[in-house]
Amino acid sequence: MRELVESIAKALVDHPDDVQVRSVEGEQVTVLELRVHPEDLGKVIGRSGRVAQALRTVVRATAEGRVSVDILDSEEAAEGLDDDSSADLRQAADDASE
């Protein structure tokens, strides 16, 4: 799944070298964190979130099990998530899937 999200995102953005996808495994759901350059954020979200929704639809259709896609810009990625934040993210994703 990571490779699929990464290849689609790289095709959409002006800064493909800044595209990163991180997989965070939860008990019931996997969260794919898509990080892009701040200038490219609008390209992967799209007008009214249509591109982001289409990306999520493709991922759900091809995934085995529950997968969620979160879109972040590189400034959020630079701040990074500590281990506690990652655990909180996994728990929130698990709660949302129930």
PDB file of N, CA and C in Angstrom:
ATOM      1  N   MET A   1       0.802  -1.186   0.000  1.00  0.00           N
ATOM      2  CA  MET A   1       0.000   0.000   0.000  1.00  0.00           C
ATOM      3  C   MET A   1       0.854   1.262   0.000  1.00  0.00           C
ATOM      4  N   ARG A   2       1.931   1.231   0.786  1.00  0.00           N
ATOM      5  CA  ARG A   2       2.813   2.407   0.850  1.00  0.00           C
ATOM      6  C   ARG A   2       3.277   2.817  -0.537  1.00  0.00           C
ATOM      7  N   GLU A   3       3.691   1.842  -1.323  1.00  0.00           N
ATOM      8  CA  GLU A   3       4.231   2.134  -2.647  1.00  0.00           C
ATOM      9  C   GLU A   3       3.158   2.722  -3.557  1.00  0.00           C
ATOM     10  N   LEU A   4       1.934   2.240  -3.441  1.00  0.00           N
ATOM     11  CA  LEU A   4       0.830   2.760  -4.244  1.00  0.00           C
ATOM     12  C   LEU A   4       0.566   4.222  -3.912  1.00  0.00           C
ATOM     13  N   VAL A   5       0.448   4.542  -2.643  1.00  0.00           N
ATOM     14  CA  VAL A   5       0.202   5.925  -2.221  1.00  0.00           C
ATOM     15  C   VAL A   5       1.354   6.821  -2.649  1.00  0.00           C
ATOM     16  N   GLU A   6       2.568   6.339  -2.470  1.00  0.00           N
ATOM     17  CA  GLU A   6       3.747   7.128  -2.831  1.00  0.00           C
ATOM     18  C   GLU A   6       3.791   7.404  -4.331  1.00  0.00           C
ATOM     19  N   SER A   7       3.523   6.421  -5.152  1.00  0.00           N
ATOM     20  CA  SER A   7       3.591   6.630  -6.602  1.00  0.00           C
ATOM     21  C   SER A   7       2.473   7.560  -7.088  1.00  0.00           C
ATOM     22  N   ILE A   8       1.282   7.439  -6.534  1.00  0.00           N
ATOM     23  CA  ILE A   8       0.193   8.347  -6.918  1.00  0.00           C
ATOM     24  C   ILE A   8       0.532   9.772  -6.495  1.00  0.00           C
ATOM     25  N   ALA A   9       1.009   9.936  -5.272  1.00  0.00           N
ATOM     26  CA  ALA A   9       1.339  11.270  -4.770  1.00  0.00           C
ATOM     27  C   ALA A   9       2.459  11.909  -5.583  1.00  0.00           C
ATOM     28  N   LYS A  10       3.483  11.146  -5.919  1.00  0.00           N
ATOM     29  CA  LYS A  10       4.593  11.699  -6.696  1.00  0.00           C
ATOM     30  C   LYS A  10       4.141  12.169  -8.072  1.00  0.00           C
ATOM     31  N   ALA A  11       3.137  11.509  -8.626  1.00  0.00           N
ATOM     32  CA  ALA A  11       2.612  11.913  -9.928  1.00  0.00           C
ATOM     33  C   ALA A  11       1.813  13.217  -9.837  1.00  0.00           C
ATOM     34  N   LEU A  12       1.316  13.544  -8.662  1.00  0.00           N
ATOM     35  CA  LEU A  12       0.464  14.724  -8.491  1.00  0.00           C
ATOM     36  C   LEU A  12       1.219  15.996  -8.147  1.00  0.00           C
ATOM     37  N   VAL A  13       2.375  15.878  -7.520  1.00  0.00           N
ATOM     38  CA  VAL A  13       3.038  17.037  -6.910  1.00  0.00           C
ATOM     39  C   VAL A  13       4.161  17.612  -7.771  1.00  0.00           C
ATOM     40  N   ASP A  14       4.576  18.838  -7.409  1.00  0.00           N
ATOM     41  CA  ASP A  14       5.700  19.497  -8.074  1.00  0.00           C
ATOM     42  C   ASP A  14       7.040  19.140  -7.428  1.00  0.00           C
ATOM     43  N   HIS A  15       7.008  18.666  -6.194  1.00  0.00           N
ATOM     44  CA  HIS A  15       8.224  18.298  -5.460  1.00  0.00           C
ATOM     45  C   HIS A  15       8.170  16.807  -5.095  1.00  0.00           C
ATOM     46  N   PRO A  16       8.339  15.916  -6.073  1.00  0.00           N
ATOM     47  CA  PRO A  16       8.205  14.482  -5.788  1.00  0.00           C
ATOM     48  C   PRO A  16       9.259  13.944  -4.823  1.00  0.00           C
ATOM     49  N   ASP A  17      10.408  14.618  -4.719  1.00  0.00           N
ATOM     50  CA  ASP A  17      11.444  14.143  -3.799  1.00  0.00           C
ATOM     51  C   ASP A  17      11.046  14.338  -2.340  1.00  0.00           C
ATOM     52  N   ASP A  18      10.064  15.218  -2.092  1.00  0.00           N
ATOM     53  CA  ASP A  18       9.618  15.488  -0.726  1.00  0.00           C
ATOM     54  C   ASP A  18       8.461  14.589  -0.287  1.00  0.00           C
ATOM     55  N   VAL A  19       8.015  13.697  -1.155  1.00  0.00           N
ATOM     56  CA  VAL A  19       6.918  12.797  -0.812  1.00  0.00           C
ATOM     57  C   VAL A  19       7.449  11.663   0.062  1.00  0.00           C
ATOM     58  N   GLN A  20       6.801  11.479   1.208  1.00  0.00           N
ATOM     59  CA  GLN A  20       7.152  10.386   2.117  1.00  0.00           C
ATOM     60  C   GLN A  20       5.871   9.731   2.599  1.00  0.00           C
ATOM     61  N   VAL A  21       5.890   8.433   2.698  1.00  0.00           N
ATOM     62  CA  VAL A  21       4.751   7.693   3.227  1.00  0.00           C
ATOM     63  C   VAL A  21       5.251   6.814   4.358  1.00  0.00           C
ATOM     64  N   ARG A  22       4.625   6.964   5.500  1.00  0.00           N
ATOM     65  CA  ARG A  22       4.983   6.170   6.677  1.00  0.00           C
ATOM     66  C   ARG A  22       3.777   5.347   7.077  1.00  0.00           C
ATOM     67  N   SER A  23       3.998   4.096   7.377  1.00  0.00           N
ATOM     68  CA  SER A  23       2.926   3.197   7.782  1.00  0.00           C
ATOM     69  C   SER A  23       2.950   3.036   9.298  1.00  0.00           C
ATOM     70  N   VAL A  24       1.809   3.307   9.937  1.00  0.00           N
ATOM     71  CA  VAL A  24       1.673   3.147  11.381  1.00  0.00           C
ATOM     72  C   VAL A  24       0.644   2.050  11.614  1.00  0.00           C
ATOM     73  N   GLU A  25       1.086   0.941  12.177  1.00  0.00           N
ATOM     74  CA  GLU A  25       0.227  -0.224  12.378  1.00  0.00           C
ATOM     75  C   GLU A  25      -0.523  -0.113  13.699  1.00  0.00           C
ATOM     76  N   GLY A  26      -1.831  -0.257  13.631  1.00  0.00           N
ATOM     77  CA  GLY A  26      -2.662  -0.342  14.823  1.00  0.00           C
ATOM     78  C   GLY A  26      -3.179  -1.759  14.957  1.00  0.00           C
ATOM     79  N   GLU A  27      -3.983  -1.992  15.982  1.00  0.00           N
ATOM     80  CA  GLU A  27      -4.530  -3.333  16.170  1.00  0.00           C
ATOM     81  C   GLU A  27      -5.529  -3.688  15.084  1.00  0.00           C
ATOM     82  N   GLN A  28      -6.372  -2.714  14.695  1.00  0.00           N
ATOM     83  CA  GLN A  28      -7.419  -2.998  13.726  1.00  0.00           C
ATOM     84  C   GLN A  28      -7.272  -2.235  12.424  1.00  0.00           C
ATOM     85  N   VAL A  29      -6.403  -1.249  12.376  1.00  0.00           N
ATOM     86  CA  VAL A  29      -6.280  -0.418  11.182  1.00  0.00           C
ATOM     87  C   VAL A  29      -4.818  -0.016  10.985  1.00  0.00           C
ATOM     88  N   THR A  30      -4.447   0.168   9.740  1.00  0.00           N
ATOM     89  CA  THR A  30      -3.132   0.692   9.393  1.00  0.00           C
ATOM     90  C   THR A  30      -3.322   2.113   8.902  1.00  0.00           C
ATOM     91  N   VAL A  31      -2.546   3.041   9.444  1.00  0.00           N
ATOM     92  CA  VAL A  31      -2.614   4.436   9.027  1.00  0.00           C
ATOM     93  C   VAL A  31      -1.407   4.720   8.141  1.00  0.00           C
ATOM     94  N   LEU A  32      -1.657   5.183   6.930  1.00  0.00           N
ATOM     95  CA  LEU A  32      -0.587   5.615   6.037  1.00  0.00           C
ATOM     96  C   LEU A  32      -0.500   7.126   6.129  1.00  0.00           C
ATOM     97  N   GLU A  33       0.637   7.628   6.606  1.00  0.00           N
ATOM     98  CA  GLU A  33       0.848   9.066   6.726  1.00  0.00           C
ATOM     99  C   GLU A  33       1.555   9.549   5.474  1.00  0.00           C
ATOM    100  N   LEU A  34       0.897  10.351   4.683  1.00  0.00           N
ATOM    101  CA  LEU A  34       1.465  10.917   3.469  1.00  0.00           C
ATOM    102  C   LEU A  34       1.951  12.318   3.790  1.00  0.00           C
ATOM    103  N   ARG A  35       3.249  12.532   3.611  1.00  0.00           N
ATOM    104  CA  ARG A  35       3.844  13.841   3.865  1.00  0.00           C
ATOM    105  C   ARG A  35       4.318  14.421   2.547  1.00  0.00           C
ATOM    106  N   VAL A  36       3.963  15.688   2.312  1.00  0.00           N
ATOM    107  CA  VAL A  36       4.343  16.366   1.077  1.00  0.00           C
ATOM    108  C   VAL A  36       4.878  17.752   1.399  1.00  0.00           C
ATOM    109  N   HIS A  37       5.520  18.360   0.426  1.00  0.00           N
ATOM    110  CA  HIS A  37       6.001  19.733   0.545  1.00  0.00           C
ATOM    111  C   HIS A  37       4.791  20.644   0.769  1.00  0.00           C
ATOM    112  N   PRO A  38       4.937  21.694   1.593  1.00  0.00           N
ATOM    113  CA  PRO A  38       3.796  22.585   1.861  1.00  0.00           C
ATOM    114  C   PRO A  38       3.144  23.162   0.602  1.00  0.00           C
ATOM    115  N   GLU A  39       3.934  23.431  -0.434  1.00  0.00           N
ATOM    116  CA  GLU A  39       3.375  23.964  -1.675  1.00  0.00           C
ATOM    117  C   GLU A  39       2.520  22.931  -2.410  1.00  0.00           C
ATOM    118  N   ASP A  40       2.714  21.667  -2.125  1.00  0.00           N
ATOM    119  CA  ASP A  40       1.994  20.590  -2.813  1.00  0.00           C
ATOM    120  C   ASP A  40       0.771  20.098  -2.048  1.00  0.00           C
ATOM    121  N   LEU A  41       0.554  20.635  -0.872  1.00  0.00           N
ATOM    122  CA  LEU A  41      -0.541  20.153  -0.039  1.00  0.00           C
ATOM    123  C   LEU A  41      -1.884  20.271  -0.756  1.00  0.00           C
ATOM    124  N   GLY A  42      -2.120  21.384  -1.414  1.00  0.00           N
ATOM    125  CA  GLY A  42      -3.374  21.579  -2.138  1.00  0.00           C
ATOM    126  C   GLY A  42      -3.549  20.613  -3.293  1.00  0.00           C
ATOM    127  N   LYS A  43      -2.462  20.187  -3.886  1.00  0.00           N
ATOM    128  CA  LYS A  43      -2.542  19.257  -5.021  1.00  0.00           C
ATOM    129  C   LYS A  43      -2.982  17.871  -4.592  1.00  0.00           C
ATOM    130  N   VAL A  44      -2.552  17.432  -3.415  1.00  0.00           N
ATOM    131  CA  VAL A  44      -2.958  16.102  -2.965  1.00  0.00           C
ATOM    132  C   VAL A  44      -4.295  16.119  -2.228  1.00  0.00           C
ATOM    133  N   ILE A  45      -4.726  17.298  -1.806  1.00  0.00           N
ATOM    134  CA  ILE A  45      -6.043  17.403  -1.180  1.00  0.00           C
ATOM    135  C   ILE A  45      -7.101  17.689  -2.240  1.00  0.00           C
ATOM    136  N   GLY A  46      -6.809  18.612  -3.148  1.00  0.00           N
ATOM    137  CA  GLY A  46      -7.745  18.922  -4.220  1.00  0.00           C
ATOM    138  C   GLY A  46      -8.863  19.841  -3.766  1.00  0.00           C
ATOM    139  N   ARG A  47      -9.607  20.329  -4.738  1.00  0.00           N
ATOM    140  CA  ARG A  47     -10.732  21.210  -4.442  1.00  0.00           C
ATOM    141  C   ARG A  47     -11.796  20.426  -3.682  1.00  0.00           C
ATOM    142  N   SER A  48     -12.181  20.959  -2.549  1.00  0.00           N
ATOM    143  CA  SER A  48     -13.171  20.332  -1.661  1.00  0.00           C
ATOM    144  C   SER A  48     -12.751  18.931  -1.222  1.00  0.00           C
ATOM    145  N   GLY A  49     -11.444  18.638  -1.257  1.00  0.00           N
ATOM    146  CA  GLY A  49     -10.946  17.351  -0.784  1.00  0.00           C
ATOM    147  C   GLY A  49     -11.178  16.191  -1.734  1.00  0.00           C
ATOM    148  N   ARG A  50     -11.472  16.511  -2.992  1.00  0.00           N
ATOM    149  CA  ARG A  50     -11.812  15.445  -3.947  1.00  0.00           C
ATOM    150  C   ARG A  50     -10.639  14.528  -4.271  1.00  0.00           C
ATOM    151  N   VAL A  51      -9.448  15.082  -4.431  1.00  0.00           N
ATOM    152  CA  VAL A  51      -8.278  14.244  -4.747  1.00  0.00           C
ATOM    153  C   VAL A  51      -7.954  13.346  -3.553  1.00  0.00           C
ATOM    154  N   ALA A  52      -7.985  13.918  -2.350  1.00  0.00           N
ATOM    155  CA  ALA A  52      -7.708  13.127  -1.147  1.00  0.00           C
ATOM    156  C   ALA A  52      -8.731  12.002  -1.002  1.00  0.00           C
ATOM    157  N   GLN A  53      -9.989  12.307  -1.251  1.00  0.00           N
ATOM    158  CA  GLN A  53     -11.022  11.284  -1.135  1.00  0.00           C
ATOM    159  C   GLN A  53     -10.834  10.192  -2.187  1.00  0.00           C
ATOM    160  N   ALA A  54     -10.463  10.582  -3.398  1.00  0.00           N
ATOM    161  CA  ALA A  54     -10.210   9.592  -4.452  1.00  0.00           C
ATOM    162  C   ALA A  54      -9.027   8.696  -4.080  1.00  0.00           C
ATOM    163  N   LEU A  55      -7.970   9.291  -3.528  1.00  0.00           N
ATOM    164  CA  LEU A  55      -6.807   8.518  -3.086  1.00  0.00           C
ATOM    165  C   LEU A  55      -7.216   7.520  -1.999  1.00  0.00           C
ATOM    166  N   ARG A  56      -7.998   7.980  -1.046  1.00  0.00           N
ATOM    167  CA  ARG A  56      -8.461   7.086   0.027  1.00  0.00           C
ATOM    168  C   ARG A  56      -9.339   5.964  -0.523  1.00  0.00           C
ATOM    169  N   THR A  57     -10.164   6.276  -1.509  1.00  0.00           N
ATOM    170  CA  THR A  57     -11.029   5.266  -2.111  1.00  0.00           C
ATOM    171  C   THR A  57     -10.211   4.189  -2.811  1.00  0.00           C
ATOM    172  N   VAL A  58      -9.199   4.606  -3.564  1.00  0.00           N
ATOM    173  CA  VAL A  58      -8.332   3.643  -4.251  1.00  0.00           C
ATOM    174  C   VAL A  58      -7.619   2.756  -3.234  1.00  0.00           C
ATOM    175  N   VAL A  59      -7.123   3.346  -2.166  1.00  0.00           N
ATOM    176  CA  VAL A  59      -6.407   2.575  -1.147  1.00  0.00           C
ATOM    177  C   VAL A  59      -7.338   1.574  -0.484  1.00  0.00           C
ATOM    178  N   ARG A  60      -8.531   2.015  -0.109  1.00  0.00           N
ATOM    179  CA  ARG A  60      -9.483   1.092   0.526  1.00  0.00           C
ATOM    180  C   ARG A  60      -9.880  -0.045  -0.410  1.00  0.00           C
ATOM    181  N   ALA A  61     -10.007   0.266  -1.706  1.00  0.00           N
ATOM    182  CA  ALA A  61     -10.422  -0.757  -2.666  1.00  0.00           C
ATOM    183  C   ALA A  61      -9.344  -1.808  -2.882  1.00  0.00           C
ATOM    184  N   THR A  62      -8.091  -1.436  -2.742  1.00  0.00           N
ATOM    185  CA  THR A  62      -7.004  -2.377  -3.010  1.00  0.00           C
ATOM    186  C   THR A  62      -6.404  -2.987  -1.743  1.00  0.00           C
ATOM    187  N   ALA A  63      -6.747  -2.443  -0.587  1.00  0.00           N
ATOM    188  CA  ALA A  63      -6.132  -2.891   0.663  1.00  0.00           C
ATOM    189  C   ALA A  63      -6.784  -4.159   1.188  1.00  0.00           C
ATOM    190  N   GLU A  64      -5.978  -4.926   1.866  1.00  0.00           N
ATOM    191  CA  GLU A  64      -6.490  -6.061   2.623  1.00  0.00           C
ATOM    192  C   GLU A  64      -6.567  -5.595   4.072  1.00  0.00           C
ATOM    193  N   GLY A  65      -7.754  -5.514   4.601  1.00  0.00           N
ATOM    194  CA  GLY A  65      -7.938  -4.995   5.953  1.00  0.00           C
ATOM    195  C   GLY A  65      -8.232  -3.505   5.907  1.00  0.00           C
ATOM    196  N   ARG A  66      -8.289  -2.907   7.066  1.00  0.00           N
ATOM    197  CA  ARG A  66      -8.629  -1.491   7.164  1.00  0.00           C
ATOM    198  C   ARG A  66      -7.381  -0.633   7.046  1.00  0.00           C
ATOM    199  N   VAL A  67      -7.463   0.342   6.152  1.00  0.00           N
ATOM    200  CA  VAL A  67      -6.352   1.257   5.935  1.00  0.00           C
ATOM    201  C   VAL A  67      -6.902   2.671   5.880  1.00  0.00           C
ATOM    202  N   SER A  68      -6.219   3.587   6.546  1.00  0.00           N
ATOM    203  CA  SER A  68      -6.587   4.993   6.546  1.00  0.00           C
ATOM    204  C   SER A  68      -5.417   5.793   5.993  1.00  0.00           C
ATOM    205  N   VAL A  69      -5.699   6.890   5.278  1.00  0.00           N
ATOM    206  CA  VAL A  69      -4.648   7.746   4.734  1.00  0.00           C
ATOM    207  C   VAL A  69      -4.772   9.118   5.374  1.00  0.00           C
ATOM    208  N   ASP A  70      -3.699   9.585   6.025  1.00  0.00           N
ATOM    209  CA  ASP A  70      -3.628  10.926   6.585  1.00  0.00           C
ATOM    210  C   ASP A  70      -2.634  11.725   5.759  1.00  0.00           C
ATOM    211  N   ILE A  71      -2.989  12.960   5.420  1.00  0.00           N
ATOM    212  CA  ILE A  71      -2.130  13.809   4.596  1.00  0.00           C
ATOM    213  C   ILE A  71      -1.556  14.914   5.464  1.00  0.00           C
ATOM    214  N   LEU A  72      -0.215  15.003   5.465  1.00  0.00           N
ATOM    215  CA  LEU A  72       0.503  16.006   6.246  1.00  0.00           C
ATOM    216  C   LEU A  72       1.437  16.773   5.330  1.00  0.00           C
ATOM    217  N   ASP A  73       1.782  18.012   5.699  1.00  0.00           N
ATOM    218  CA  ASP A  73       2.811  18.702   4.921  1.00  0.00           C
ATOM    219  C   ASP A  73       4.166  18.474   5.586  1.00  0.00           C
ATOM    220  N   SER A  74       5.242  18.842   4.906  1.00  0.00           N
ATOM    221  CA  SER A  74       6.577  18.529   5.418  1.00  0.00           C
ATOM    222  C   SER A  74       6.912  19.303   6.684  1.00  0.00           C
ATOM    223  N   GLU A  75       6.247  20.434   6.949  1.00  0.00           N
ATOM    224  CA  GLU A  75       6.490  21.160   8.194  1.00  0.00           C
ATOM    225  C   GLU A  75       6.013  20.333   9.378  1.00  0.00           C
ATOM    226  N   GLU A  76       4.865  19.663   9.229  1.00  0.00           N
ATOM    227  CA  GLU A  76       4.389  18.772  10.275  1.00  0.00           C
ATOM    228  C   GLU A  76       5.337  17.593  10.423  1.00  0.00           C
ATOM    229  N   ALA A  77       5.876  17.125   9.315  1.00  0.00           N
ATOM    230  CA  ALA A  77       6.814  16.005   9.360  1.00  0.00           C
ATOM    231  C   ALA A  77       8.101  16.412  10.046  1.00  0.00           C
ATOM    232  N   ALA A  78       8.544  17.669   9.826  1.00  0.00           N
ATOM    233  CA  ALA A  78       9.782  18.147  10.442  1.00  0.00           C
ATOM    234  C   ALA A  78       9.639  18.213  11.959  1.00  0.00           C
ATOM    235  N   GLU A  79       8.419  18.541  12.431  1.00  0.00           N
ATOM    236  CA  GLU A  79       8.189  18.564  13.865  1.00  0.00           C
ATOM    237  C   GLU A  79       8.295  17.164  14.422  1.00  0.00           C
ATOM    238  N   GLY A  80       7.870  16.181  13.612  1.00  0.00           N
ATOM    239  CA  GLY A  80       7.973  14.777  13.995  1.00  0.00           C
ATOM    240  C   GLY A  80       6.989  14.402  15.068  1.00  0.00           C
ATOM    241  N   LEU A  81       6.775  13.124  15.191  1.00  0.00           N
ATOM    242  CA  LEU A  81       5.930  12.576  16.232  1.00  0.00           C
ATOM    243  C   LEU A  81       6.794  11.761  17.167  1.00  0.00           C
ATOM    244  N   ASP A  82       6.631  11.997  18.474  1.00  0.00           N
ATOM    245  CA  ASP A  82       7.348  11.151  19.411  1.00  0.00           C
ATOM    246  C   ASP A  82       6.591   9.834  19.544  1.00  0.00           C
ATOM    247  N   ASP A  83       7.138   8.903  20.273  1.00  0.00           N
ATOM    248  CA  ASP A  83       6.527   7.585  20.385  1.00  0.00           C
ATOM    249  C   ASP A  83       5.136   7.649  20.998  1.00  0.00           C
ATOM    250  N   ASP A  84       4.930   8.547  21.972  1.00  0.00           N
ATOM    251  CA  ASP A  84       3.611   8.676  22.591  1.00  0.00           C
ATOM    252  C   ASP A  84       2.591   9.188  21.586  1.00  0.00           C
ATOM    253  N   SER A  85       2.983  10.133  20.725  1.00  0.00           N
ATOM    254  CA  SER A  85       2.067  10.654  19.713  1.00  0.00           C
ATOM    255  C   SER A  85       1.703   9.577  18.710  1.00  0.00           C
ATOM    256  N   SER A  86       2.653   8.752  18.344  1.00  0.00           N
ATOM    257  CA  SER A  86       2.376   7.656  17.419  1.00  0.00           C
ATOM    258  C   SER A  86       1.388   6.680  18.038  1.00  0.00           C
ATOM    259  N   ALA A  87       1.562   6.397  19.310  1.00  0.00           N
ATOM    260  CA  ALA A  87       0.635   5.501  19.994  1.00  0.00           C
ATOM    261  C   ALA A  87      -0.754   6.115  20.052  1.00  0.00           C
ATOM    262  N   ASP A  88      -0.818   7.440  20.310  1.00  0.00           N
ATOM    263  CA  ASP A  88      -2.109   8.129  20.333  1.00  0.00           C
ATOM    264  C   ASP A  88      -2.766   8.073  18.969  1.00  0.00           C
ATOM    265  N   LEU A  89      -1.974   8.242  17.905  1.00  0.00           N
ATOM    266  CA  LEU A  89      -2.503   8.191  16.548  1.00  0.00           C
ATOM    267  C   LEU A  89      -3.067   6.804  16.242  1.00  0.00           C
ATOM    268  N   ARG A  90      -2.347   5.764  16.609  1.00  0.00           N
ATOM    269  CA  ARG A  90      -2.837   4.403  16.384  1.00  0.00           C
ATOM    270  C   ARG A  90      -4.135   4.152  17.144  1.00  0.00           C
ATOM    271  N   GLN A  91      -4.197   4.640  18.397  1.00  0.00           N
ATOM    272  CA  GLN A  91      -5.393   4.437  19.199  1.00  0.00           C
ATOM    273  C   GLN A  91      -6.575   5.196  18.596  1.00  0.00           C
ATOM    274  N   ALA A  92      -6.347   6.421  18.139  1.00  0.00           N
ATOM    275  CA  ALA A  92      -7.426   7.201  17.518  1.00  0.00           C
ATOM    276  C   ALA A  92      -7.920   6.536  16.243  1.00  0.00           C
ATOM    277  N   ALA A  93      -7.010   5.988  15.471  1.00  0.00           N
ATOM    278  CA  ALA A  93      -7.399   5.282  14.239  1.00  0.00           C
ATOM    279  C   ALA A  93      -8.181   4.032  14.566  1.00  0.00           C
ATOM    280  N   ASP A  94      -7.768   3.315  15.588  1.00  0.00           N
ATOM    281  CA  ASP A  94      -8.501   2.117  16.000  1.00  0.00           C
ATOM    282  C   ASP A  94      -9.900   2.485  16.479  1.00  0.00           C
ATOM    283  N   ASP A  95     -10.000   3.568  17.267  1.00  0.00           N
ATOM    284  CA  ASP A  95     -11.299   4.010  17.764  1.00  0.00           C
ATOM    285  C   ASP A  95     -12.215   4.424  16.622  1.00  0.00           C
ATOM    286  N   ALA A  96     -11.662   5.094  15.634  1.00  0.00           N
ATOM    287  CA  ALA A  96     -12.469   5.555  14.499  1.00  0.00           C
ATOM    288  C   ALA A  96     -12.985   4.398  13.657  1.00  0.00           C
ATOM    289  N   SER A  97     -12.252   3.297  13.642  1.00  0.00           N
ATOM    290  CA  SER A  97     -12.650   2.165  12.813  1.00  0.00           C
ATOM    291  C   SER A  97     -13.743   1.324  13.451  1.00  0.00           C
ATOM    292  N   GLU A  98     -13.999   1.530  14.734  1.00  0.00           N
ATOM    293  CA  GLU A  98     -15.002   0.724  15.441  1.00  0.00           C
ATOM    294  C   GLU A  98     -16.397   1.232  15.207  1.00  0.00           C
TER     295      GLU A  98
END
